[in-house]
Amino acid sequence: MARLKPKQLLIQSKTKKGPSRISYSSIITWKLIVVLVVLSLYATYRHWHHRPAFEAEMDLPRAEVH
C-alpha cells in the first residue's frame, strides 16, 4: 500500500464517495436464489399439509403405516 502524505490524505478523506454499484448479474443471481428458497418452502408446506389426506385415501389403518 502506498504511503500518502498528510495533505493528500486530508484531501482524499474529504472527497465524497458514492455507493458502490451492484452488478446486474449479482441482482439476478440473488433473485434466483430467493425464488428457489420460496418455492422449496412452499413445496414443503404443501407436502406436509396434505399428507394426512394421502394416508386416508389409501385406506390403511394406522398400525400398518410404517
Protein backbone atom coordinates (compact mmCIF):
# COMPACT_ATOMS: atom_id res chain seq x y z
CA MET A 1 0.00 0.00 0.00
CA ALA A 2 1.41 3.37 -0.98
CA ARG A 3 2.01 5.89 1.76
CA LEU A 4 0.10 9.13 1.33
CA LYS A 5 1.36 12.46 2.52
CA PRO A 6 -0.80 14.11 5.19
CA LYS A 7 -2.12 16.77 2.78
CA GLN A 8 -3.14 14.16 0.20
CA LEU A 9 -4.71 12.04 2.91
CA LEU A 10 -6.80 15.01 4.06
CA ILE A 11 -7.94 15.72 0.51
CA GLN A 12 -8.79 12.05 -0.05
CA SER A 13 -10.81 11.82 3.15
CA LYS A 14 -12.87 14.89 2.24
CA THR A 15 -13.92 13.62 -1.18
CA LYS A 16 -17.43 12.18 -1.21
CA LYS A 17 -17.64 8.56 -2.24
CA GLY A 18 -20.84 7.35 -3.83
CA PRO A 19 -22.37 3.99 -3.08
CA SER A 20 -20.74 1.09 -4.86
CA ARG A 21 -22.59 -0.08 -7.91
CA ILE A 22 -24.22 -3.51 -7.75
CA SER A 23 -23.87 -5.53 -10.93
CA TYR A 24 -26.88 -6.89 -12.76
CA SER A 25 -25.55 -10.42 -12.61
CA SER A 26 -25.44 -10.34 -8.80
CA ILE A 27 -29.01 -8.97 -8.66
CA ILE A 28 -30.26 -11.73 -10.96
CA THR A 29 -28.33 -14.40 -9.02
CA TRP A 30 -29.78 -13.30 -5.67
CA LYS A 31 -33.30 -13.10 -7.13
CA LEU A 32 -32.99 -16.67 -8.41
CA ILE A 33 -31.75 -17.86 -5.03
CA VAL A 34 -34.68 -16.17 -3.26
CA VAL A 35 -37.19 -17.62 -5.72
CA LEU A 36 -35.76 -21.13 -5.29
CA VAL A 37 -35.91 -20.87 -1.50
CA VAL A 38 -39.51 -19.62 -1.57
CA LEU A 39 -40.58 -22.37 -3.98
CA SER A 40 -38.92 -25.07 -1.89
CA LEU A 41 -40.59 -23.79 1.28
CA TYR A 42 -43.97 -23.75 -0.50
CA ALA A 43 -43.47 -27.27 -1.83
CA THR A 44 -42.51 -28.49 1.65
CA TYR A 45 -45.59 -26.84 3.15
CA ARG A 46 -47.89 -28.41 0.55
CA HIS A 47 -46.32 -31.84 1.07
CA TRP A 48 -46.70 -31.83 4.86
CA HIS A 49 -50.08 -30.08 4.83
CA HIS A 50 -51.72 -32.61 2.50
CA ARG A 51 -50.01 -35.72 3.88
CA PRO A 52 -52.89 -36.91 6.14
CA ALA A 53 -55.24 -36.73 3.15
CA PHE A 54 -52.99 -39.10 1.18
CA GLU A 55 -52.94 -41.62 4.04
CA ALA A 56 -56.74 -41.50 4.31
CA GLU A 57 -57.12 -42.13 0.56
CA MET A 58 -55.02 -45.30 0.80
CA ASP A 59 -57.44 -46.74 3.43
CA LEU A 60 -54.62 -48.19 5.52
CA PRO A 61 -55.05 -48.50 9.25
CA ARG A 62 -52.59 -46.51 11.32
CA ALA A 63 -50.89 -49.68 12.60
CA GLU A 64 -49.85 -50.76 9.09
CA VAL A 65 -48.28 -47.44 8.13
CA HIS A 66 -44.54 -47.56 8.74
